[in-house]
Amino acid sequence: MKAVTYSRSALRSLSRMPANQARLIQAKIEQYAARPDGLANNVKALKGADGYLRLRVGDWRVLFSETGEIIAIIRIAPRGQVYN
């Protein structure tokens, strides 16, 4: 299982959203860290941003980078606001 680190803005987003939605997003992140191939259809590389990926969790998007054994969560936001 890969280690997961959260940026300050990602933690702030999780604390401000409804608790059930935050738990679902954290569960999907942990699921991806344990078995990346299990969520392969929900993870895509971002165009124009080398090394960054996005994880789709319903209407929410999780932007992250993956280096070796570390997954760095950069931003968590609704679909329409995350790419700005």
PDB file of N, CA and C in Angstrom:
ATOM      1  N   MET A   1       0.845  -1.184   0.000  1.00  0.00           N
ATOM      2  CA  MET A   1       0.000   0.000   0.000  1.00  0.00           C
ATOM      3  C   MET A   1       0.885   1.240   0.000  1.00  0.00           C
ATOM      4  N   LYS A   2       0.508   2.195  -0.807  1.00  0.00           N
ATOM      5  CA  LYS A   2       1.269   3.437  -0.906  1.00  0.00           C
ATOM      6  C   LYS A   2       0.858   4.396   0.200  1.00  0.00           C
ATOM      7  N   ALA A   3       1.794   5.247   0.607  1.00  0.00           N
ATOM      8  CA  ALA A   3       1.510   6.260   1.619  1.00  0.00           C
ATOM      9  C   ALA A   3       0.769   7.424   0.962  1.00  0.00           C
ATOM     10  N   VAL A   4      -0.159   8.034   1.709  1.00  0.00           N
ATOM     11  CA  VAL A   4      -0.957   9.141   1.191  1.00  0.00           C
ATOM     12  C   VAL A   4      -0.666  10.380   2.020  1.00  0.00           C
ATOM     13  N   THR A   5      -0.334  11.492   1.338  1.00  0.00           N
ATOM     14  CA  THR A   5      -0.152  12.776   2.016  1.00  0.00           C
ATOM     15  C   THR A   5      -1.154  13.768   1.439  1.00  0.00           C
ATOM     16  N   TYR A   6      -1.625  14.668   2.283  1.00  0.00           N
ATOM     17  CA  TYR A   6      -2.624  15.656   1.885  1.00  0.00           C
ATOM     18  C   TYR A   6      -2.031  17.059   1.986  1.00  0.00           C
ATOM     19  N   SER A   7      -2.325  17.893   1.000  1.00  0.00           N
ATOM     20  CA  SER A   7      -1.929  19.297   1.077  1.00  0.00           C
ATOM     21  C   SER A   7      -2.864  20.016   2.045  1.00  0.00           C
ATOM     22  N   ARG A   8      -2.490  21.201   2.428  1.00  0.00           N
ATOM     23  CA  ARG A   8      -3.307  21.983   3.353  1.00  0.00           C
ATOM     24  C   ARG A   8      -4.671  22.297   2.738  1.00  0.00           C
ATOM     25  N   SER A   9      -4.696  22.642   1.454  1.00  0.00           N
ATOM     26  CA  SER A   9      -5.976  22.971   0.812  1.00  0.00           C
ATOM     27  C   SER A   9      -6.875  21.739   0.688  1.00  0.00           C
ATOM     28  N   ALA A  10      -6.290  20.565   0.459  1.00  0.00           N
ATOM     29  CA  ALA A  10      -7.087  19.337   0.390  1.00  0.00           C
ATOM     30  C   ALA A  10      -7.707  19.018   1.743  1.00  0.00           C
ATOM     31  N   LEU A  11      -6.941  19.172   2.807  1.00  0.00           N
ATOM     32  CA  LEU A  11      -7.484  18.935   4.147  1.00  0.00           C
ATOM     33  C   LEU A  11      -8.580  19.934   4.484  1.00  0.00           C
ATOM     34  N   ARG A  12      -8.407  21.177   4.065  1.00  0.00           N
ATOM     35  CA  ARG A  12      -9.417  22.206   4.298  1.00  0.00           C
ATOM     36  C   ARG A  12     -10.703  21.867   3.552  1.00  0.00           C
ATOM     37  N   SER A  13     -10.578  21.396   2.322  1.00  0.00           N
ATOM     38  CA  SER A  13     -11.756  21.000   1.542  1.00  0.00           C
ATOM     39  C   SER A  13     -12.499  19.852   2.207  1.00  0.00           C
ATOM     40  N   LEU A  14     -11.759  18.862   2.688  1.00  0.00           N
ATOM     41  CA  LEU A  14     -12.392  17.732   3.368  1.00  0.00           C
ATOM     42  C   LEU A  14     -13.118  18.163   4.634  1.00  0.00           C
ATOM     43  N   SER A  15     -12.550  19.101   5.368  1.00  0.00           N
ATOM     44  CA  SER A  15     -13.176  19.527   6.619  1.00  0.00           C
ATOM     45  C   SER A  15     -14.425  20.369   6.385  1.00  0.00           C
ATOM     46  N   ARG A  16     -14.536  21.008   5.224  1.00  0.00           N
ATOM     47  CA  ARG A  16     -15.677  21.885   4.944  1.00  0.00           C
ATOM     48  C   ARG A  16     -16.843  21.183   4.254  1.00  0.00           C
ATOM     49  N   MET A  17     -16.617  20.013   3.703  1.00  0.00           N
ATOM     50  CA  MET A  17     -17.696  19.313   3.008  1.00  0.00           C
ATOM     51  C   MET A  17     -18.479  18.450   3.996  1.00  0.00           C
ATOM     52  N   PRO A  18     -19.676  17.980   3.604  1.00  0.00           N
ATOM     53  CA  PRO A  18     -20.442  17.089   4.480  1.00  0.00           C
ATOM     54  C   PRO A  18     -19.620  15.861   4.873  1.00  0.00           C
ATOM     55  N   ALA A  19     -19.797  15.398   6.096  1.00  0.00           N
ATOM     56  CA  ALA A  19     -18.983  14.314   6.647  1.00  0.00           C
ATOM     57  C   ALA A  19     -19.098  13.028   5.826  1.00  0.00           C
ATOM     58  N   ASN A  20     -20.303  12.704   5.368  1.00  0.00           N
ATOM     59  CA  ASN A  20     -20.451  11.458   4.601  1.00  0.00           C
ATOM     60  C   ASN A  20     -19.710  11.541   3.270  1.00  0.00           C
ATOM     61  N   GLN A  21     -19.694  12.708   2.639  1.00  0.00           N
ATOM     62  CA  GLN A  21     -18.972  12.876   1.380  1.00  0.00           C
ATOM     63  C   GLN A  21     -17.459  12.811   1.621  1.00  0.00           C
ATOM     64  N   ALA A  22     -16.988  13.406   2.702  1.00  0.00           N
ATOM     65  CA  ALA A  22     -15.562  13.367   3.031  1.00  0.00           C
ATOM     66  C   ALA A  22     -15.108  11.936   3.293  1.00  0.00           C
ATOM     67  N   ARG A  23     -15.923  11.157   3.998  1.00  0.00           N
ATOM     68  CA  ARG A  23     -15.583   9.750   4.254  1.00  0.00           C
ATOM     69  C   ARG A  23     -15.518   8.946   2.958  1.00  0.00           C
ATOM     70  N   LEU A  24     -16.448   9.204   2.039  1.00  0.00           N
ATOM     71  CA  LEU A  24     -16.446   8.501   0.767  1.00  0.00           C
ATOM     72  C   LEU A  24     -15.189   8.824  -0.039  1.00  0.00           C
ATOM     73  N   ILE A  25     -14.816  10.090  -0.086  1.00  0.00           N
ATOM     74  CA  ILE A  25     -13.623  10.497  -0.830  1.00  0.00           C
ATOM     75  C   ILE A  25     -12.369   9.886  -0.209  1.00  0.00           C
ATOM     76  N   GLN A  26     -12.257   9.929   1.112  1.00  0.00           N
ATOM     77  CA  GLN A  26     -11.104   9.336   1.779  1.00  0.00           C
ATOM     78  C   GLN A  26     -11.051   7.827   1.551  1.00  0.00           C
ATOM     79  N   ALA A  27     -12.201   7.171   1.539  1.00  0.00           N
ATOM     80  CA  ALA A  27     -12.241   5.733   1.296  1.00  0.00           C
ATOM     81  C   ALA A  27     -11.762   5.414  -0.121  1.00  0.00           C
ATOM     82  N   LYS A  28     -12.166   6.215  -1.100  1.00  0.00           N
ATOM     83  CA  LYS A  28     -11.723   5.992  -2.484  1.00  0.00           C
ATOM     84  C   LYS A  28     -10.225   6.237  -2.630  1.00  0.00           C
ATOM     85  N   ILE A  29      -9.702   7.233  -1.925  1.00  0.00           N
ATOM     86  CA  ILE A  29      -8.262   7.498  -1.968  1.00  0.00           C
ATOM     87  C   ILE A  29      -7.502   6.316  -1.368  1.00  0.00           C
ATOM     88  N   GLU A  30      -7.971   5.822  -0.231  1.00  0.00           N
ATOM     89  CA  GLU A  30      -7.329   4.663   0.402  1.00  0.00           C
ATOM     90  C   GLU A  30      -7.439   3.419  -0.479  1.00  0.00           C
ATOM     91  N   GLN A  31      -8.580   3.255  -1.136  1.00  0.00           N
ATOM     92  CA  GLN A  31      -8.760   2.121  -2.043  1.00  0.00           C
ATOM     93  C   GLN A  31      -7.772   2.210  -3.199  1.00  0.00           C
ATOM     94  N   TYR A  32      -7.573   3.406  -3.744  1.00  0.00           N
ATOM     95  CA  TYR A  32      -6.611   3.585  -4.826  1.00  0.00           C
ATOM     96  C   TYR A  32      -5.190   3.321  -4.335  1.00  0.00           C
ATOM     97  N   ALA A  33      -4.876   3.755  -3.120  1.00  0.00           N
ATOM     98  CA  ALA A  33      -3.537   3.540  -2.570  1.00  0.00           C
ATOM     99  C   ALA A  33      -3.254   2.051  -2.381  1.00  0.00           C
ATOM    100  N   ALA A  34      -4.274   1.281  -2.014  1.00  0.00           N
ATOM    101  CA  ALA A  34      -4.088  -0.152  -1.793  1.00  0.00           C
ATOM    102  C   ALA A  34      -4.022  -0.920  -3.110  1.00  0.00           C
ATOM    103  N   ARG A  35      -4.892  -0.590  -4.046  1.00  0.00           N
ATOM    104  CA  ARG A  35      -4.957  -1.298  -5.330  1.00  0.00           C
ATOM    105  C   ARG A  35      -5.255  -0.320  -6.453  1.00  0.00           C
ATOM    106  N   PRO A  36      -4.240   0.286  -7.054  1.00  0.00           N
ATOM    107  CA  PRO A  36      -4.473   1.278  -8.116  1.00  0.00           C
ATOM    108  C   PRO A  36      -5.236   0.723  -9.324  1.00  0.00           C
ATOM    109  N   ASP A  37      -5.072  -0.532  -9.622  1.00  0.00           N
ATOM    110  CA  ASP A  37      -5.764  -1.087 -10.781  1.00  0.00           C
ATOM    111  C   ASP A  37      -7.268  -1.246 -10.565  1.00  0.00           C
ATOM    112  N   GLY A  38      -7.723  -1.226  -9.326  1.00  0.00           N
ATOM    113  CA  GLY A  38      -9.144  -1.366  -9.023  1.00  0.00           C
ATOM    114  C   GLY A  38      -9.967  -0.157  -9.428  1.00  0.00           C
ATOM    115  N   LEU A  39      -9.379   1.012  -9.458  1.00  0.00           N
ATOM    116  CA  LEU A  39     -10.085   2.243  -9.828  1.00  0.00           C
ATOM    117  C   LEU A  39      -9.549   2.820 -11.134  1.00  0.00           C
ATOM    118  N   ALA A  40      -9.009   1.990 -11.988  1.00  0.00           N
ATOM    119  CA  ALA A  40      -8.357   2.463 -13.203  1.00  0.00           C
ATOM    120  C   ALA A  40      -9.289   3.265 -14.103  1.00  0.00           C
ATOM    121  N   ASN A  41     -10.584   2.934 -14.135  1.00  0.00           N
ATOM    122  CA  ASN A  41     -11.490   3.676 -15.002  1.00  0.00           C
ATOM    123  C   ASN A  41     -11.861   5.045 -14.429  1.00  0.00           C
ATOM    124  N   ASN A  42     -11.566   5.320 -13.182  1.00  0.00           N
ATOM    125  CA  ASN A  42     -11.862   6.614 -12.572  1.00  0.00           C
ATOM    126  C   ASN A  42     -10.629   7.498 -12.426  1.00  0.00           C
ATOM    127  N   VAL A  43      -9.482   7.055 -12.879  1.00  0.00           N
ATOM    128  CA  VAL A  43      -8.239   7.821 -12.774  1.00  0.00           C
ATOM    129  C   VAL A  43      -7.728   8.113 -14.179  1.00  0.00           C
ATOM    130  N   LYS A  44      -7.446   9.405 -14.418  1.00  0.00           N
ATOM    131  CA  LYS A  44      -6.904   9.803 -15.714  1.00  0.00           C
ATOM    132  C   LYS A  44      -5.788  10.812 -15.504  1.00  0.00           C
ATOM    133  N   ALA A  45      -4.856  10.840 -16.444  1.00  0.00           N
ATOM    134  CA  ALA A  45      -3.794  11.842 -16.423  1.00  0.00           C
ATOM    135  C   ALA A  45      -4.372  13.167 -16.915  1.00  0.00           C
ATOM    136  N   LEU A  46      -3.940  14.269 -16.314  1.00  0.00           N
ATOM    137  CA  LEU A  46      -4.400  15.587 -16.736  1.00  0.00           C
ATOM    138  C   LEU A  46      -3.620  16.036 -17.963  1.00  0.00           C
ATOM    139  N   LYS A  47      -4.313  16.559 -18.932  1.00  0.00           N
ATOM    140  CA  LYS A  47      -3.658  17.074 -20.130  1.00  0.00           C
ATOM    141  C   LYS A  47      -3.039  18.419 -19.799  1.00  0.00           C
ATOM    142  N   GLY A  48      -1.821  18.645 -20.238  1.00  0.00           N
ATOM    143  CA  GLY A  48      -1.151  19.913 -20.018  1.00  0.00           C
ATOM    144  C   GLY A  48      -0.493  20.051 -18.655  1.00  0.00           C
ATOM    145  N   ALA A  49      -0.662  19.078 -17.799  1.00  0.00           N
ATOM    146  CA  ALA A  49      -0.052  19.101 -16.474  1.00  0.00           C
ATOM    147  C   ALA A  49       0.652  17.765 -16.270  1.00  0.00           C
ATOM    148  N   ASP A  50       1.894  17.697 -16.673  1.00  0.00           N
ATOM    149  CA  ASP A  50       2.632  16.440 -16.604  1.00  0.00           C
ATOM    150  C   ASP A  50       2.784  15.968 -15.165  1.00  0.00           C
ATOM    151  N   GLY A  51       2.525  14.698 -14.943  1.00  0.00           N
ATOM    152  CA  GLY A  51       2.716  14.096 -13.634  1.00  0.00           C
ATOM    153  C   GLY A  51       1.523  14.199 -12.712  1.00  0.00           C
ATOM    154  N   TYR A  52       0.445  14.861 -13.135  1.00  0.00           N
ATOM    155  CA  TYR A  52      -0.732  15.003 -12.292  1.00  0.00           C
ATOM    156  C   TYR A  52      -1.855  14.114 -12.798  1.00  0.00           C
ATOM    157  N   LEU A  53      -2.590  13.549 -11.863  1.00  0.00           N
ATOM    158  CA  LEU A  53      -3.707  12.669 -12.168  1.00  0.00           C
ATOM    159  C   LEU A  53      -4.954  13.192 -11.476  1.00  0.00           C
ATOM    160  N   ARG A  54      -6.112  12.714 -11.934  1.00  0.00           N
ATOM    161  CA  ARG A  54      -7.349  13.052 -11.235  1.00  0.00           C
ATOM    162  C   ARG A  54      -8.119  11.781 -10.957  1.00  0.00           C
ATOM    163  N   LEU A  55      -8.731  11.753  -9.785  1.00  0.00           N
ATOM    164  CA  LEU A  55      -9.590  10.650  -9.369  1.00  0.00           C
ATOM    165  C   LEU A  55     -11.009  11.183  -9.315  1.00  0.00           C
ATOM    166  N   ARG A  56     -11.920  10.507  -9.989  1.00  0.00           N
ATOM    167  CA  ARG A  56     -13.319  10.917 -10.011  1.00  0.00           C
ATOM    168  C   ARG A  56     -14.072  10.196  -8.911  1.00  0.00           C
ATOM    169  N   VAL A  57     -14.733  10.959  -8.038  1.00  0.00           N
ATOM    170  CA  VAL A  57     -15.568  10.395  -6.975  1.00  0.00           C
ATOM    171  C   VAL A  57     -16.911  11.117  -7.056  1.00  0.00           C
ATOM    172  N   GLY A  58     -17.830  10.574  -7.817  1.00  0.00           N
ATOM    173  CA  GLY A  58     -19.121  11.231  -8.037  1.00  0.00           C
ATOM    174  C   GLY A  58     -18.916  12.556  -8.748  1.00  0.00           C
ATOM    175  N   ASP A  59     -19.445  13.636  -8.169  1.00  0.00           N
ATOM    176  CA  ASP A  59     -19.282  14.973  -8.737  1.00  0.00           C
ATOM    177  C   ASP A  59     -18.030  15.667  -8.223  1.00  0.00           C
ATOM    178  N   TRP A  60     -17.225  14.986  -7.444  1.00  0.00           N
ATOM    179  CA  TRP A  60     -15.998  15.556  -6.887  1.00  0.00           C
ATOM    180  C   TRP A  60     -14.786  15.027  -7.635  1.00  0.00           C
ATOM    181  N   ARG A  61     -13.735  15.830  -7.664  1.00  0.00           N
ATOM    182  CA  ARG A  61     -12.483  15.429  -8.299  1.00  0.00           C
ATOM    183  C   ARG A  61     -11.345  15.597  -7.305  1.00  0.00           C
ATOM    184  N   VAL A  62     -10.432  14.639  -7.312  1.00  0.00           N
ATOM    185  CA  VAL A  62      -9.257  14.664  -6.452  1.00  0.00           C
ATOM    186  C   VAL A  62      -8.043  14.753  -7.372  1.00  0.00           C
ATOM    187  N   LEU A  63      -7.302  15.859  -7.298  1.00  0.00           N
ATOM    188  CA  LEU A  63      -6.087  16.010  -8.087  1.00  0.00           C
ATOM    189  C   LEU A  63      -4.916  15.539  -7.243  1.00  0.00           C
ATOM    190  N   PHE A  64      -4.050  14.716  -7.825  1.00  0.00           N
ATOM    191  CA  PHE A  64      -2.923  14.181  -7.064  1.00  0.00           C
ATOM    192  C   PHE A  64      -1.764  13.867  -7.981  1.00  0.00           C
ATOM    193  N   SER A  65      -0.613  13.678  -7.356  1.00  0.00           N
ATOM    194  CA  SER A  65       0.564  13.194  -8.085  1.00  0.00           C
ATOM    195  C   SER A  65       1.042  11.936  -7.381  1.00  0.00           C
ATOM    196  N   GLU A  66       1.673  11.088  -8.145  1.00  0.00           N
ATOM    197  CA  GLU A  66       2.111   9.796  -7.621  1.00  0.00           C
ATOM    198  C   GLU A  66       3.592   9.631  -7.929  1.00  0.00           C
ATOM    199  N   THR A  67       4.396   9.553  -6.877  1.00  0.00           N
ATOM    200  CA  THR A  67       5.831   9.368  -7.058  1.00  0.00           C
ATOM    201  C   THR A  67       6.275   8.190  -6.211  1.00  0.00           C
ATOM    202  N   GLY A  68       6.667   7.125  -6.863  1.00  0.00           N
ATOM    203  CA  GLY A  68       7.135   5.946  -6.130  1.00  0.00           C
ATOM    204  C   GLY A  68       6.083   5.384  -5.220  1.00  0.00           C
ATOM    205  N   GLU A  69       6.333   5.438  -3.940  1.00  0.00           N
ATOM    206  CA  GLU A  69       5.421   4.884  -2.941  1.00  0.00           C
ATOM    207  C   GLU A  69       4.595   5.953  -2.234  1.00  0.00           C
ATOM    208  N   ILE A  70       4.537   7.166  -2.777  1.00  0.00           N
ATOM    209  CA  ILE A  70       3.803   8.263  -2.136  1.00  0.00           C
ATOM    210  C   ILE A  70       2.771   8.826  -3.104  1.00  0.00           C
ATOM    211  N   ILE A  71       1.542   8.981  -2.611  1.00  0.00           N
ATOM    212  CA  ILE A  71       0.481   9.654  -3.350  1.00  0.00           C
ATOM    213  C   ILE A  71       0.253  10.988  -2.650  1.00  0.00           C
ATOM    214  N   ALA A  72       0.494  12.081  -3.354  1.00  0.00           N
ATOM    215  CA  ALA A  72       0.336  13.415  -2.782  1.00  0.00           C
ATOM    216  C   ALA A  72      -0.967  14.017  -3.289  1.00  0.00           C
ATOM    217  N   ILE A  73      -1.942  14.154  -2.390  1.00  0.00           N
ATOM    218  CA  ILE A  73      -3.236  14.745  -2.734  1.00  0.00           C
ATOM    219  C   ILE A  73      -3.057  16.255  -2.743  1.00  0.00           C
ATOM    220  N   ILE A  74      -3.326  16.876  -3.877  1.00  0.00           N
ATOM    221  CA  ILE A  74      -3.081  18.300  -4.043  1.00  0.00           C
ATOM    222  C   ILE A  74      -4.338  19.126  -3.829  1.00  0.00           C
ATOM    223  N   ARG A  75      -5.447  18.682  -4.434  1.00  0.00           N
ATOM    224  CA  ARG A  75      -6.663  19.488  -4.365  1.00  0.00           C
ATOM    225  C   ARG A  75      -7.881  18.582  -4.455  1.00  0.00           C
ATOM    226  N   ILE A  76      -8.934  18.938  -3.713  1.00  0.00           N
ATOM    227  CA  ILE A  76     -10.214  18.243  -3.765  1.00  0.00           C
ATOM    228  C   ILE A  76     -11.280  19.317  -3.951  1.00  0.00           C
ATOM    229  N   ALA A  77     -12.082  19.191  -5.010  1.00  0.00           N
ATOM    230  CA  ALA A  77     -13.091  20.209  -5.287  1.00  0.00           C
ATOM    231  C   ALA A  77     -14.184  19.615  -6.167  1.00  0.00           C
ATOM    232  N   PRO A  78     -15.331  20.307  -6.254  1.00  0.00           N
ATOM    233  CA  PRO A  78     -16.379  19.852  -7.176  1.00  0.00           C
ATOM    234  C   PRO A  78     -15.891  19.898  -8.620  1.00  0.00           C
ATOM    235  N   ARG A  79     -16.516  19.133  -9.466  1.00  0.00           N
ATOM    236  CA  ARG A  79     -16.091  18.963 -10.853  1.00  0.00           C
ATOM    237  C   ARG A  79     -15.900  20.280 -11.591  1.00  0.00           C
ATOM    238  N   GLY A  80     -16.776  21.228 -11.438  1.00  0.00           N
ATOM    239  CA  GLY A  80     -16.689  22.477 -12.185  1.00  0.00           C
ATOM    240  C   GLY A  80     -15.651  23.452 -11.681  1.00  0.00           C
ATOM    241  N   GLN A  81     -15.130  23.239 -10.491  1.00  0.00           N
ATOM    242  CA  GLN A  81     -14.217  24.212  -9.885  1.00  0.00           C
ATOM    243  C   GLN A  81     -12.783  23.712  -9.760  1.00  0.00           C
ATOM    244  N   VAL A  82     -12.552  22.448  -9.928  1.00  0.00           N
ATOM    245  CA  VAL A  82     -11.240  21.884  -9.613  1.00  0.00           C
ATOM    246  C   VAL A  82     -10.161  22.253 -10.617  1.00  0.00           C
ATOM    247  N   TYR A  83     -10.530  22.471 -11.869  1.00  0.00           N
ATOM    248  CA  TYR A  83      -9.524  22.690 -12.898  1.00  0.00           C
ATOM    249  C   TYR A  83      -9.161  24.150 -13.087  1.00  0.00           C
ATOM    250  N   ASN A  84      -9.730  25.042 -12.326  1.00  0.00           N
ATOM    251  CA  ASN A  84      -9.429  26.489 -12.445  1.00  0.00           C
ATOM    252  C   ASN A  84      -8.103  26.832 -11.854  1.00  0.00           C
TER     253      ASN A  84
END
